[in-house]
């Protein structure tokens, strides 16, 4: 499992680019060792065995400022206290005893109560059974990954300083809580989102909308988009993209018939369905494209240089 959180501050991300790293404590993969639950020989059995034991963090040594000085093992133990089925597979980025990034991708966790004691800047819960993210309320997360989870309600994210949010393949249908967020990357692939109005004033640069119910991209007008994927959507009008700074555009298998709004854009990659285009092919041939094709998805890609592509019969 590769950590990909906080690429500008922390880790070698899964996304392009190799960020600088602070001098953190490394995170072991070994499962945590929990305190014994039975009494020691010669001692009486606990009379309150039916009550939960104190959280492991309660017994940790505080820092001078009064906050817990976390180690990777303590984090594993705290997570397992709230999630008995947790296998210790998480990875962490810790700086001076403070967890900055938690990668719990694919972990068997159902409760986020352990986060009430933490203040991470980045969190990956992709592929977990998590549905309730209310424990995130009030956190200052910069990056959040909820891919392939069952999270639906994003209301707790309102006012959060998120810059990267990945929701692909979730049942999310409402992103109104993201209004005003300083998002630069948002992945909504395979969600039930149809309304993008919450993004109308965002500084978003990279947006993925494949297989969503989005039809209208008017809220994207004037945004600093660099990369946009509306593959397999019902979007028909590219007018809101005119005059922008877009460099990569995927409109394959959409209702788009007119490429004229792309005139003058600094596009270097275009993926589209030529058979559906009725107007604007001449505009496409004037773009500063480096790659052009009809497929660029999980099923394959056929990108080629423009001269090769346009010479095809």
C-alpha atoms as a PDB file:
ATOM      1  CA  UNK A   1       0.000   0.000   0.000  1.00  0.00           C
ATOM      2  CA  UNK A   2       1.441   3.331  -1.018  1.00  0.00           C
ATOM      3  CA  UNK A   3       0.748   6.421   0.976  1.00  0.00           C
ATOM      4  CA  UNK A   4      -0.468   9.193  -1.272  1.00  0.00           C
ATOM      5  CA  UNK A   5      -1.642  11.807   1.203  1.00  0.00           C
ATOM      6  CA  UNK A   6      -0.433  15.407   1.299  1.00  0.00           C
ATOM      7  CA  UNK A   7       1.826  15.194  -1.727  1.00  0.00           C
ATOM      8  CA  UNK A   8       3.102  18.747  -1.288  1.00  0.00           C
ATOM      9  CA  UNK A   9       3.931  18.304   2.358  1.00  0.00           C
ATOM     10  CA  UNK A  10       4.373  14.688   3.260  1.00  0.00           C
ATOM     11  CA  UNK A  11       4.483  11.624   1.132  1.00  0.00           C
ATOM     12  CA  UNK A  12       5.363   9.995  -2.161  1.00  0.00           C
ATOM     13  CA  UNK A  13       1.914  10.205  -3.651  1.00  0.00           C
ATOM     14  CA  UNK A  14       0.147   7.779  -5.897  1.00  0.00           C
ATOM     15  CA  UNK A  15      -0.660  10.788  -8.049  1.00  0.00           C
ATOM     16  CA  UNK A  16       2.015  12.263 -10.348  1.00  0.00           C
ATOM     17  CA  UNK A  17       4.833  14.080  -8.625  1.00  0.00           C
ATOM     18  CA  UNK A  18       7.210  13.266  -5.789  1.00  0.00           C
ATOM     19  CA  UNK A  19       6.704  15.542  -2.795  1.00  0.00           C
ATOM     20  CA  UNK A  20       9.200  16.492  -0.188  1.00  0.00           C
ATOM     21  CA  UNK A  21       8.910  14.793   3.189  1.00  0.00           C
ATOM     22  CA  UNK A  22       9.408  15.988   6.744  1.00  0.00           C
ATOM     23  CA  UNK A  23      11.365  13.867   9.163  1.00  0.00           C
ATOM     24  CA  UNK A  24       8.482  11.761  10.480  1.00  0.00           C
ATOM     25  CA  UNK A  25       8.329   8.584  12.473  1.00  0.00           C
ATOM     26  CA  UNK A  26       7.918   5.649  10.143  1.00  0.00           C
ATOM     27  CA  UNK A  27       4.761   3.648  10.436  1.00  0.00           C
ATOM     28  CA  UNK A  28       5.012  -0.113  11.008  1.00  0.00           C
ATOM     29  CA  UNK A  29       2.558  -2.440   9.368  1.00  0.00           C
ATOM     30  CA  UNK A  30       2.529  -4.878  12.280  1.00  0.00           C
ATOM     31  CA  UNK A  31      -0.812  -5.187  14.083  1.00  0.00           C
ATOM     32  CA  UNK A  32      -1.119  -3.496  17.443  1.00  0.00           C
ATOM     33  CA  UNK A  33      -0.600  -5.222  20.750  1.00  0.00           C
ATOM     34  CA  UNK A  34      -3.559  -4.592  22.996  1.00  0.00           C
ATOM     35  CA  UNK A  35      -3.532  -4.549  26.755  1.00  0.00           C
ATOM     36  CA  UNK A  36      -4.551  -7.909  28.301  1.00  0.00           C
ATOM     37  CA  UNK A  37      -8.222  -8.259  29.130  1.00  0.00           C
ATOM     38  CA  UNK A  38      -7.890 -10.798  31.933  1.00  0.00           C
ATOM     39  CA  UNK A  39      -6.628 -10.262  35.483  1.00  0.00           C
ATOM     40  CA  UNK A  40      -3.090 -11.283  36.407  1.00  0.00           C
ATOM     41  CA  UNK A  41      -2.637 -14.512  38.406  1.00  0.00           C
ATOM     42  CA  UNK A  42      -3.498 -14.058  42.046  1.00  0.00           C
ATOM     43  CA  UNK A  43      -5.643 -10.965  41.423  1.00  0.00           C
ATOM     44  CA  UNK A  44      -9.427 -10.930  41.702  1.00  0.00           C
ATOM     45  CA  UNK A  45     -11.502 -10.878  38.542  1.00  0.00           C
ATOM     46  CA  UNK A  46     -12.589  -7.415  37.442  1.00  0.00           C
ATOM     47  CA  UNK A  47     -15.968  -6.612  38.928  1.00  0.00           C
ATOM     48  CA  UNK A  48     -16.742  -4.155  36.091  1.00  0.00           C
ATOM     49  CA  UNK A  49     -15.774  -6.367  33.198  1.00  0.00           C
ATOM     50  CA  UNK A  50     -18.906  -5.351  31.371  1.00  0.00           C
ATOM     51  CA  UNK A  51     -17.747  -1.739  31.150  1.00  0.00           C
ATOM     52  CA  UNK A  52     -15.404  -0.582  28.362  1.00  0.00           C
ATOM     53  CA  UNK A  53     -11.753  -0.080  29.219  1.00  0.00           C
ATOM     54  CA  UNK A  54     -10.317   3.420  28.993  1.00  0.00           C
ATOM     55  CA  UNK A  55      -9.176   4.449  25.548  1.00  0.00           C
ATOM     56  CA  UNK A  56      -5.459   3.643  25.070  1.00  0.00           C
ATOM     57  CA  UNK A  57      -4.776   7.342  24.449  1.00  0.00           C
ATOM     58  CA  UNK A  58      -5.955   8.122  27.974  1.00  0.00           C
ATOM     59  CA  UNK A  59      -2.866   6.429  29.398  1.00  0.00           C
ATOM     60  CA  UNK A  60      -0.364   7.988  27.020  1.00  0.00           C
ATOM     61  CA  UNK A  61       2.244  10.492  28.035  1.00  0.00           C
ATOM     62  CA  UNK A  62       1.136  14.055  27.190  1.00  0.00           C
ATOM     63  CA  UNK A  63       3.381  16.566  25.514  1.00  0.00           C
ATOM     64  CA  UNK A  64       4.297  19.841  27.146  1.00  0.00           C
ATOM     65  CA  UNK A  65       1.325  21.450  25.441  1.00  0.00           C
ATOM     66  CA  UNK A  66      -0.979  18.831  26.962  1.00  0.00           C
ATOM     67  CA  UNK A  67      -1.657  16.885  23.764  1.00  0.00           C
ATOM     68  CA  UNK A  68      -0.839  13.219  23.246  1.00  0.00           C
ATOM     69  CA  UNK A  69       2.534  12.365  21.708  1.00  0.00           C
ATOM     70  CA  UNK A  70       1.490   9.659  19.264  1.00  0.00           C
ATOM     71  CA  UNK A  71       3.578   6.750  18.033  1.00  0.00           C
ATOM     72  CA  UNK A  72       2.531   4.421  15.196  1.00  0.00           C
ATOM     73  CA  UNK A  73       1.863   1.619  17.676  1.00  0.00           C
ATOM     74  CA  UNK A  74      -0.363   3.871  19.766  1.00  0.00           C
ATOM     75  CA  UNK A  75      -2.362   4.782  16.674  1.00  0.00           C
ATOM     76  CA  UNK A  76      -2.840   1.126  15.746  1.00  0.00           C
ATOM     77  CA  UNK A  77      -3.987   0.391  19.282  1.00  0.00           C
ATOM     78  CA  UNK A  78      -6.370   3.361  19.397  1.00  0.00           C
ATOM     79  CA  UNK A  79      -7.953   2.376  16.084  1.00  0.00           C
ATOM     80  CA  UNK A  80      -8.356  -1.240  17.204  1.00  0.00           C
ATOM     81  CA  UNK A  81      -9.923  -0.153  20.486  1.00  0.00           C
ATOM     82  CA  UNK A  82     -12.819   1.316  18.484  1.00  0.00           C
ATOM     83  CA  UNK A  83     -12.654  -1.317  15.715  1.00  0.00           C
ATOM     84  CA  UNK A  84     -11.906  -4.785  17.136  1.00  0.00           C
ATOM     85  CA  UNK A  85     -11.679  -6.276  13.635  1.00  0.00           C
ATOM     86  CA  UNK A  86      -8.893  -3.869  12.576  1.00  0.00           C
ATOM     87  CA  UNK A  87      -5.824  -5.817  11.425  1.00  0.00           C
ATOM     88  CA  UNK A  88      -3.168  -3.143  11.804  1.00  0.00           C
ATOM     89  CA  UNK A  89      -2.806  -2.486   8.062  1.00  0.00           C
ATOM     90  CA  UNK A  90      -2.917   1.299   8.342  1.00  0.00           C
ATOM     91  CA  UNK A  91       0.036   3.519   7.521  1.00  0.00           C
ATOM     92  CA  UNK A  92       0.720   6.876   9.100  1.00  0.00           C
ATOM     93  CA  UNK A  93       2.785  10.002   8.693  1.00  0.00           C
ATOM     94  CA  UNK A  94       3.757  11.426  12.070  1.00  0.00           C
ATOM     95  CA  UNK A  95       5.700  14.603  12.811  1.00  0.00           C
ATOM     96  CA  UNK A  96       6.856  15.323  16.364  1.00  0.00           C
ATOM     97  CA  UNK A  97       4.239  13.017  17.821  1.00  0.00           C
ATOM     98  CA  UNK A  98       1.351  14.450  15.812  1.00  0.00           C
ATOM     99  CA  UNK A  99      -0.315  12.346  13.082  1.00  0.00           C
ATOM    100  CA  UNK A 100      -0.458  14.369   9.876  1.00  0.00           C
ATOM    101  CA  UNK A 101      -1.717  11.700   7.486  1.00  0.00           C
ATOM    102  CA  UNK A 102      -3.569   8.424   8.038  1.00  0.00           C
ATOM    103  CA  UNK A 103      -3.840   5.867   5.253  1.00  0.00           C
ATOM    104  CA  UNK A 104      -6.520   3.327   6.190  1.00  0.00           C
ATOM    105  CA  UNK A 105      -7.343   2.287   2.648  1.00  0.00           C
ATOM    106  CA  UNK A 106      -9.116  -1.061   2.658  1.00  0.00           C
ATOM    107  CA  UNK A 107      -8.949  -1.411   6.436  1.00  0.00           C
ATOM    108  CA  UNK A 108     -11.711  -3.165   8.358  1.00  0.00           C
ATOM    109  CA  UNK A 109     -12.984  -0.163  10.268  1.00  0.00           C
ATOM    110  CA  UNK A 110     -16.561   0.893  10.888  1.00  0.00           C
ATOM    111  CA  UNK A 111     -16.095   3.547  13.574  1.00  0.00           C
ATOM    112  CA  UNK A 112     -14.186   6.808  13.279  1.00  0.00           C
ATOM    113  CA  UNK A 113     -14.416   7.666  16.960  1.00  0.00           C
ATOM    114  CA  UNK A 114     -10.630   7.355  17.244  1.00  0.00           C
ATOM    115  CA  UNK A 115     -10.345  10.516  15.153  1.00  0.00           C
ATOM    116  CA  UNK A 116     -11.842  12.666  17.916  1.00  0.00           C
ATOM    117  CA  UNK A 117      -8.397  12.649  19.543  1.00  0.00           C
ATOM    118  CA  UNK A 118      -6.489  13.394  16.350  1.00  0.00           C
ATOM    119  CA  UNK A 119      -6.016  16.345  14.025  1.00  0.00           C
ATOM    120  CA  UNK A 120      -4.718  14.888  10.756  1.00  0.00           C
ATOM    121  CA  UNK A 121      -4.458  16.984   7.632  1.00  0.00           C
ATOM    122  CA  UNK A 122      -5.035  14.046   5.287  1.00  0.00           C
ATOM    123  CA  UNK A 123      -7.117  10.897   5.584  1.00  0.00           C
ATOM    124  CA  UNK A 124      -7.678   7.932   3.264  1.00  0.00           C
ATOM    125  CA  UNK A 125     -10.759   5.797   4.051  1.00  0.00           C
ATOM    126  CA  UNK A 126     -11.132   4.343   0.569  1.00  0.00           C
ATOM    127  CA  UNK A 127     -12.507   0.840   0.349  1.00  0.00           C
ATOM    128  CA  UNK A 128     -13.570   0.743   3.987  1.00  0.00           C
ATOM    129  CA  UNK A 129     -17.078  -0.070   5.286  1.00  0.00           C
ATOM    130  CA  UNK A 130     -17.370   3.458   6.685  1.00  0.00           C
ATOM    131  CA  UNK A 131     -20.708   5.173   6.096  1.00  0.00           C
ATOM    132  CA  UNK A 132     -20.950   7.691   8.947  1.00  0.00           C
ATOM    133  CA  UNK A 133     -18.283  10.404   8.765  1.00  0.00           C
ATOM    134  CA  UNK A 134     -19.751  12.684  11.435  1.00  0.00           C
ATOM    135  CA  UNK A 135     -16.631  12.280  13.628  1.00  0.00           C
ATOM    136  CA  UNK A 136     -14.822  14.386  10.998  1.00  0.00           C
ATOM    137  CA  UNK A 137     -16.820  17.442  12.046  1.00  0.00           C
ATOM    138  CA  UNK A 138     -14.597  20.405  12.861  1.00  0.00           C
ATOM    139  CA  UNK A 139     -11.443  18.834  11.436  1.00  0.00           C
ATOM    140  CA  UNK A 140      -9.128  20.847   9.207  1.00  0.00           C
ATOM    141  CA  UNK A 141      -8.566  18.165   6.576  1.00  0.00           C
ATOM    142  CA  UNK A 142      -6.808  19.225   3.406  1.00  0.00           C
ATOM    143  CA  UNK A 143      -7.124  15.873   1.646  1.00  0.00           C
ATOM    144  CA  UNK A 144      -9.851  13.246   2.023  1.00  0.00           C
ATOM    145  CA  UNK A 145     -10.243  10.011   0.077  1.00  0.00           C
ATOM    146  CA  UNK A 146     -13.552   8.129   0.379  1.00  0.00           C
ATOM    147  CA  UNK A 147     -13.378   6.103  -2.839  1.00  0.00           C
ATOM    148  CA  UNK A 148     -15.360   2.854  -3.029  1.00  0.00           C
ATOM    149  CA  UNK A 149     -17.036   3.480   0.319  1.00  0.00           C
ATOM    150  CA  UNK A 150     -20.731   3.724   1.241  1.00  0.00           C
ATOM    151  CA  UNK A 151     -20.579   7.347   2.403  1.00  0.00           C
ATOM    152  CA  UNK A 152     -23.588   9.368   1.245  1.00  0.00           C
ATOM    153  CA  UNK A 153     -23.938  12.414   3.504  1.00  0.00           C
ATOM    154  CA  UNK A 154     -21.213  15.058   3.076  1.00  0.00           C
ATOM    155  CA  UNK A 155     -22.791  17.729   5.288  1.00  0.00           C
ATOM    156  CA  UNK A 156     -20.032  17.359   7.879  1.00  0.00           C
ATOM    157  CA  UNK A 157     -17.517  18.618   5.293  1.00  0.00           C
ATOM    158  CA  UNK A 158     -19.115  22.064   5.125  1.00  0.00           C
ATOM    159  CA  UNK A 159     -16.516  24.713   5.919  1.00  0.00           C
ATOM    160  CA  UNK A 160     -13.611  22.261   5.821  1.00  0.00           C
ATOM    161  CA  UNK A 161     -10.465  23.554   4.021  1.00  0.00           C
ATOM    162  CA  UNK A 162     -10.406  20.620   1.606  1.00  0.00           C
ATOM    163  CA  UNK A 163      -8.184  20.895  -1.426  1.00  0.00           C
ATOM    164  CA  UNK A 164      -8.469  17.305  -2.657  1.00  0.00           C
ATOM    165  CA  UNK A 165     -11.570  15.133  -2.340  1.00  0.00           C
ATOM    166  CA  UNK A 166     -12.036  11.757  -4.014  1.00  0.00           C
ATOM    167  CA  UNK A 167     -15.576  10.341  -3.920  1.00  0.00           C
ATOM    168  CA  UNK A 168     -15.494   8.042  -6.918  1.00  0.00           C
ATOM    169  CA  UNK A 169     -17.754   5.000  -6.811  1.00  0.00           C
ATOM    170  CA  UNK A 170     -19.740   6.172  -3.793  1.00  0.00           C
ATOM    171  CA  UNK A 171     -23.517   6.742  -3.589  1.00  0.00           C
ATOM    172  CA  UNK A 172     -23.020  10.486  -3.005  1.00  0.00           C
ATOM    173  CA  UNK A 173     -25.702  12.542  -4.763  1.00  0.00           C
ATOM    174  CA  UNK A 174     -25.374  15.989  -3.178  1.00  0.00           C
ATOM    175  CA  UNK A 175     -22.195  18.083  -3.040  1.00  0.00           C
ATOM    176  CA  UNK A 176     -23.770  21.305  -1.759  1.00  0.00           C
ATOM    177  CA  UNK A 177     -21.647  21.018   1.404  1.00  0.00           C
ATOM    178  CA  UNK A 178     -18.579  21.700  -0.752  1.00  0.00           C
ATOM    179  CA  UNK A 179     -19.654  25.236  -1.597  1.00  0.00           C
ATOM    180  CA  UNK A 180     -16.838  27.606  -0.706  1.00  0.00           C
ATOM    181  CA  UNK A 181     -14.267  24.840  -0.230  1.00  0.00           C
ATOM    182  CA  UNK A 182     -10.818  25.612  -1.703  1.00  0.00           C
ATOM    183  CA  UNK A 183     -10.920  22.462  -3.824  1.00  0.00           C
ATOM    184  CA  UNK A 184      -8.350  21.992  -6.557  1.00  0.00           C
ATOM    185  CA  UNK A 185      -9.103  18.296  -7.245  1.00  0.00           C
ATOM    186  CA  UNK A 186     -12.480  16.569  -7.105  1.00  0.00           C
ATOM    187  CA  UNK A 187     -13.256  13.049  -8.297  1.00  0.00           C
ATOM    188  CA  UNK A 188     -16.964  12.253  -8.687  1.00  0.00           C
ATOM    189  CA  UNK A 189     -16.661   9.301 -11.074  1.00  0.00           C
ATOM    190  CA  UNK A 190     -19.533   6.864 -10.720  1.00  0.00           C
ATOM    191  CA  UNK A 191     -21.450   8.945  -8.171  1.00  0.00           C
ATOM    192  CA  UNK A 192     -25.087  10.016  -8.394  1.00  0.00           C
ATOM    193  CA  UNK A 193     -24.215  13.709  -8.556  1.00  0.00           C
ATOM    194  CA  UNK A 194     -26.175  15.770 -11.103  1.00  0.00           C
ATOM    195  CA  UNK A 195     -25.776  19.370  -9.877  1.00  0.00           C
ATOM    196  CA  UNK A 196     -22.406  21.159  -9.966  1.00  0.00           C
ATOM    197  CA  UNK A 197     -23.607  24.559  -8.765  1.00  0.00           C
ATOM    198  CA  UNK A 198     -21.670  24.205  -5.488  1.00  0.00           C
ATOM    199  CA  UNK A 199     -18.453  24.434  -7.523  1.00  0.00           C
ATOM    200  CA  UNK A 200     -19.289  27.698  -9.286  1.00  0.00           C
ATOM    201  CA  UNK A 201     -16.758  29.726  -7.297  1.00  0.00           C
ATOM    202  CA  UNK A 202     -14.199  27.059  -6.488  1.00  0.00           C
ATOM    203  CA  UNK A 203     -10.543  27.189  -7.571  1.00  0.00           C
ATOM    204  CA  UNK A 204     -10.874  23.682  -8.996  1.00  0.00           C
ATOM    205  CA  UNK A 205      -8.267  22.584 -11.524  1.00  0.00           C
ATOM    206  CA  UNK A 206      -8.954  18.862 -11.962  1.00  0.00           C
ATOM    207  CA  UNK A 207     -12.464  17.403 -12.125  1.00  0.00           C
ATOM    208  CA  UNK A 208     -13.614  13.889 -13.006  1.00  0.00           C
ATOM    209  CA  UNK A 209     -17.323  13.328 -13.816  1.00  0.00           C
ATOM    210  CA  UNK A 210     -17.363  10.040 -15.736  1.00  0.00           C
ATOM    211  CA  UNK A 211     -20.594   8.046 -15.406  1.00  0.00           C
ATOM    212  CA  UNK A 212     -22.426  10.723 -13.411  1.00  0.00           C
ATOM    213  CA  UNK A 213     -25.843  12.209 -14.145  1.00  0.00           C
ATOM    214  CA  UNK A 214     -24.373  15.626 -14.918  1.00  0.00           C
ATOM    215  CA  UNK A 215     -25.898  17.301 -17.968  1.00  0.00           C
ATOM    216  CA  UNK A 216     -25.079  20.966 -17.412  1.00  0.00           C
ATOM    217  CA  UNK A 217     -21.526  22.248 -16.887  1.00  0.00           C
ATOM    218  CA  UNK A 218     -22.540  25.912 -16.778  1.00  0.00           C
ATOM    219  CA  UNK A 219     -21.311  26.187 -13.135  1.00  0.00           C
ATOM    220  CA  UNK A 220     -17.793  25.506 -14.441  1.00  0.00           C
ATOM    221  CA  UNK A 221     -17.709  28.693 -16.511  1.00  0.00           C
ATOM    222  CA  UNK A 222     -14.673  30.799 -15.655  1.00  0.00           C
ATOM    223  CA  UNK A 223     -13.092  28.256 -13.315  1.00  0.00           C
ATOM    224  CA  UNK A 224      -9.322  27.604 -13.566  1.00  0.00           C
ATOM    225  CA  UNK A 225      -9.821  24.063 -14.863  1.00  0.00           C
ATOM    226  CA  UNK A 226      -6.762  22.369 -16.311  1.00  0.00           C
ATOM    227  CA  UNK A 227      -8.195  18.871 -16.672  1.00  0.00           C
ATOM    228  CA  UNK A 228     -11.849  17.857 -17.151  1.00  0.00           C
ATOM    229  CA  UNK A 229     -13.363  14.427 -17.759  1.00  0.00           C
ATOM    230  CA  UNK A 230     -17.053  14.218 -18.640  1.00  0.00           C
ATOM    231  CA  UNK A 231     -16.792  10.802 -20.251  1.00  0.00           C
ATOM    232  CA  UNK A 232     -20.083   8.898 -20.559  1.00  0.00           C
ATOM    233  CA  UNK A 233     -22.282  11.767 -19.407  1.00  0.00           C
ATOM    234  CA  UNK A 234     -25.232  13.524 -21.065  1.00  0.00           C
ATOM    235  CA  UNK A 235     -23.316  16.807 -21.389  1.00  0.00           C
ATOM    236  CA  UNK A 236     -23.965  18.365 -24.804  1.00  0.00           C
ATOM    237  CA  UNK A 237     -22.813  21.985 -24.549  1.00  0.00           C
ATOM    238  CA  UNK A 238     -19.116  22.854 -24.149  1.00  0.00           C
ATOM    239  CA  UNK A 239     -19.829  26.574 -24.207  1.00  0.00           C
ATOM    240  CA  UNK A 240     -18.927  27.123 -20.519  1.00  0.00           C
ATOM    241  CA  UNK A 241     -15.362  25.995 -21.276  1.00  0.00           C
ATOM    242  CA  UNK A 242     -14.717  28.755 -23.823  1.00  0.00           C
ATOM    243  CA  UNK A 243     -11.884  31.120 -23.037  1.00  0.00           C
ATOM    244  CA  UNK A 244     -10.493  28.937 -20.255  1.00  0.00           C
ATOM    245  CA  UNK A 245      -7.084  27.430 -19.554  1.00  0.00           C
ATOM    246  CA  UNK A 246      -8.086  23.793 -20.108  1.00  0.00           C
ATOM    247  CA  UNK A 247      -5.260  21.486 -21.178  1.00  0.00           C
ATOM    248  CA  UNK A 248      -6.863  18.024 -20.993  1.00  0.00           C
ATOM    249  CA  UNK A 249     -10.445  17.222 -21.993  1.00  0.00           C
ATOM    250  CA  UNK A 250     -12.260  13.880 -22.201  1.00  0.00           C
ATOM    251  CA  UNK A 251     -15.685  14.090 -23.848  1.00  0.00           C
ATOM    252  CA  UNK A 252     -15.871  10.578 -25.276  1.00  0.00           C
ATOM    253  CA  UNK A 253     -19.337   8.963 -25.434  1.00  0.00           C
ATOM    254  CA  UNK A 254     -21.139  12.201 -24.558  1.00  0.00           C
ATOM    255  CA  UNK A 255     -23.874  14.135 -26.367  1.00  0.00           C
ATOM    256  CA  UNK A 256     -21.378  16.750 -27.581  1.00  0.00           C
ATOM    257  CA  UNK A 257     -21.749  17.542 -31.283  1.00  0.00           C
ATOM    258  CA  UNK A 258     -19.989  20.925 -31.501  1.00  0.00           C
ATOM    259  CA  UNK A 259     -16.288  21.476 -30.766  1.00  0.00           C
ATOM    260  CA  UNK A 260     -16.346  25.184 -31.679  1.00  0.00           C
ATOM    261  CA  UNK A 261     -16.194  26.384 -28.020  1.00  0.00           C
ATOM    262  CA  UNK A 262     -12.716  24.834 -27.802  1.00  0.00           C
ATOM    263  CA  UNK A 263     -11.268  27.458 -30.114  1.00  0.00           C
ATOM    264  CA  UNK A 264      -8.173  29.077 -28.620  1.00  0.00           C
ATOM    265  CA  UNK A 265      -7.899  26.719 -25.649  1.00  0.00           C
ATOM    266  CA  UNK A 266      -4.383  25.469 -24.773  1.00  0.00           C
ATOM    267  CA  UNK A 267      -5.511  21.847 -25.079  1.00  0.00           C
ATOM    268  CA  UNK A 268      -2.724  19.268 -25.242  1.00  0.00           C
ATOM    269  CA  UNK A 269      -4.984  16.189 -24.930  1.00  0.00           C
ATOM    270  CA  UNK A 270      -8.434  15.589 -26.415  1.00  0.00           C
ATOM    271  CA  UNK A 271     -10.471  12.404 -26.168  1.00  0.00           C
ATOM    272  CA  UNK A 272     -13.772  12.463 -28.076  1.00  0.00           C
ATOM    273  CA  UNK A 273     -16.136  10.482 -30.291  1.00  0.00           C
ATOM    274  CA  UNK A 274     -15.600  11.755 -33.859  1.00  0.00           C
ATOM    275  CA  UNK A 275     -18.723  10.085 -35.255  1.00  0.00           C
ATOM    276  CA  UNK A 276     -20.899  12.309 -33.063  1.00  0.00           C
ATOM    277  CA  UNK A 277     -19.289  15.607 -34.035  1.00  0.00           C
ATOM    278  CA  UNK A 278     -21.268  17.723 -36.503  1.00  0.00           C
ATOM    279  CA  UNK A 279     -19.424  21.010 -36.091  1.00  0.00           C
ATOM    280  CA  UNK A 280     -16.016  22.274 -35.051  1.00  0.00           C
ATOM    281  CA  UNK A 281     -13.665  19.549 -36.308  1.00  0.00           C
ATOM    282  CA  UNK A 282     -11.749  22.296 -38.084  1.00  0.00           C
ATOM    283  CA  UNK A 283     -11.309  24.020 -34.715  1.00  0.00           C
ATOM    284  CA  UNK A 284      -9.968  20.814 -33.171  1.00  0.00           C
ATOM    285  CA  UNK A 285      -7.321  20.619 -35.910  1.00  0.00           C
ATOM    286  CA  UNK A 286      -5.964  24.037 -34.931  1.00  0.00           C
ATOM    287  CA  UNK A 287      -5.501  23.207 -31.251  1.00  0.00           C
ATOM    288  CA  UNK A 288      -1.956  22.695 -29.848  1.00  0.00           C
ATOM    289  CA  UNK A 289      -2.706  19.030 -29.193  1.00  0.00           C
ATOM    290  CA  UNK A 290       0.009  16.532 -28.342  1.00  0.00           C
ATOM    291  CA  UNK A 291      -2.348  13.590 -27.873  1.00  0.00           C
ATOM    292  CA  UNK A 292      -5.725  12.844 -29.377  1.00  0.00           C
ATOM    293  CA  UNK A 293      -7.894   9.751 -29.359  1.00  0.00           C
ATOM    294  CA  UNK A 294     -11.269   8.158 -28.798  1.00  0.00           C
ATOM    295  CA  UNK A 295     -10.546   6.101 -25.663  1.00  0.00           C
ATOM    296  CA  UNK A 296      -8.787   6.856 -22.404  1.00  0.00           C
ATOM    297  CA  UNK A 297     -10.321   4.849 -19.586  1.00  0.00           C
ATOM    298  CA  UNK A 298     -10.080   1.664 -17.557  1.00  0.00           C
ATOM    299  CA  UNK A 299     -10.843  -0.338 -20.694  1.00  0.00           C
ATOM    300  CA  UNK A 300      -7.893   0.976 -22.680  1.00  0.00           C
ATOM    301  CA  UNK A 301      -6.561   3.958 -24.568  1.00  0.00           C
ATOM    302  CA  UNK A 302      -5.766   4.804 -28.167  1.00  0.00           C
ATOM    303  CA  UNK A 303      -4.044   8.175 -27.899  1.00  0.00           C
ATOM    304  CA  UNK A 304      -1.786   9.161 -30.768  1.00  0.00           C
ATOM    305  CA  UNK A 305      -0.067  12.287 -32.128  1.00  0.00           C
ATOM    306  CA  UNK A 306      -2.428  14.585 -34.046  1.00  0.00           C
ATOM    307  CA  UNK A 307      -0.825  13.949 -37.440  1.00  0.00           C
ATOM    308  CA  UNK A 308      -1.309  10.205 -36.985  1.00  0.00           C
ATOM    309  CA  UNK A 309      -4.864  10.581 -35.731  1.00  0.00           C
ATOM    310  CA  UNK A 310      -6.063  12.945 -38.462  1.00  0.00           C
ATOM    311  CA  UNK A 311      -4.499  10.774 -41.170  1.00  0.00           C
ATOM    312  CA  UNK A 312      -6.644   7.795 -40.203  1.00  0.00           C
ATOM    313  CA  UNK A 313      -9.434   7.018 -42.716  1.00  0.00           C
END
